[in-house]
């Protein structure tokens, strides 16, 4: 296995942390943004921004339609 697709609740905590850990271990990571939620939309936006910074340092972001 080389790729992991991420969905879930508390995007800003559990999902984001697990994704960063998987990336550190060498996995290619994809966050399915419309299959994730957080307490506040701004927290999801901040998580997405962090994932996408520096050309996708922690992985990529897509939608369920794209997957």
Protein backbone atom coordinates (compact mmCIF):
# COMPACT_ATOMS: atom_id res chain seq x y z
CA UNK A 1 0.00 0.00 0.00
CA UNK A 2 1.38 3.39 -1.01
CA UNK A 3 -1.67 5.69 -1.03
CA UNK A 4 -4.22 6.59 1.66
CA UNK A 5 -7.54 8.43 1.19
CA UNK A 6 -8.71 10.39 4.24
CA UNK A 7 -12.27 11.23 5.35
CA UNK A 8 -13.82 11.78 8.76
CA UNK A 9 -14.85 14.08 11.53
CA UNK A 10 -12.77 16.67 13.36
CA UNK A 11 -10.80 17.40 10.21
CA UNK A 12 -8.70 19.96 12.05
CA UNK A 13 -7.54 17.45 14.68
CA UNK A 14 -7.86 13.70 14.09
CA UNK A 15 -7.93 13.61 10.29
CA UNK A 16 -5.22 16.22 9.83
CA UNK A 17 -2.90 14.65 12.41
CA UNK A 18 -3.31 11.17 10.97
CA UNK A 19 -2.66 12.51 7.48
CA UNK A 20 0.53 14.28 8.55
CA UNK A 21 1.74 11.15 10.33
CA UNK A 22 1.05 8.99 7.24
CA UNK A 23 2.90 11.52 5.07
CA UNK A 24 5.88 11.40 7.43
CA UNK A 25 5.90 7.61 7.00
CA UNK A 26 6.10 7.93 3.22
CA UNK A 27 2.47 7.47 2.14
CA UNK A 28 0.85 9.51 -0.63
CA UNK A 29 -2.16 11.16 1.03
CA UNK A 30 -5.44 12.52 -0.31
CA UNK A 31 -8.00 14.40 1.80
CA UNK A 32 -11.55 14.11 0.44
CA UNK A 33 -12.75 17.52 1.50
CA UNK A 34 -16.50 17.00 1.05
CA UNK A 35 -16.32 13.88 3.20
CA UNK A 36 -14.83 15.72 6.20
CA UNK A 37 -16.33 17.98 8.86
CA UNK A 38 -15.20 20.09 11.78
CA UNK A 39 -16.93 22.21 14.42
CA UNK A 40 -16.35 25.36 12.35
CA UNK A 41 -15.84 25.77 8.60
CA UNK A 42 -12.85 28.01 9.24
CA UNK A 43 -11.07 25.08 10.88
CA UNK A 44 -11.52 22.96 7.76
CA UNK A 45 -10.21 25.83 5.63
CA UNK A 46 -7.14 26.16 7.86
CA UNK A 47 -6.48 22.42 7.64
CA UNK A 48 -6.77 22.47 3.84
CA UNK A 49 -4.44 25.45 3.66
CA UNK A 50 -1.87 23.63 5.77
CA UNK A 51 -2.09 20.50 3.62
CA UNK A 52 -1.74 22.41 0.36
CA UNK A 53 1.08 24.76 1.42
CA UNK A 54 4.45 24.42 -0.26
CA UNK A 55 2.99 22.55 -3.22
CA UNK A 56 1.12 19.94 -1.17
CA UNK A 57 3.66 19.25 1.54
CA UNK A 58 1.31 16.92 3.46
CA UNK A 59 -0.67 15.59 0.51
CA UNK A 60 -3.44 16.55 -1.87
CA UNK A 61 -7.04 17.69 -1.49
CA UNK A 62 -9.89 16.56 -3.73
CA UNK A 63 -13.62 15.92 -3.77
CA UNK A 64 -15.56 12.66 -3.68
CA UNK A 65 -16.56 13.20 -7.33
CA UNK A 66 -12.89 13.38 -8.30
CA UNK A 67 -12.04 10.25 -6.33
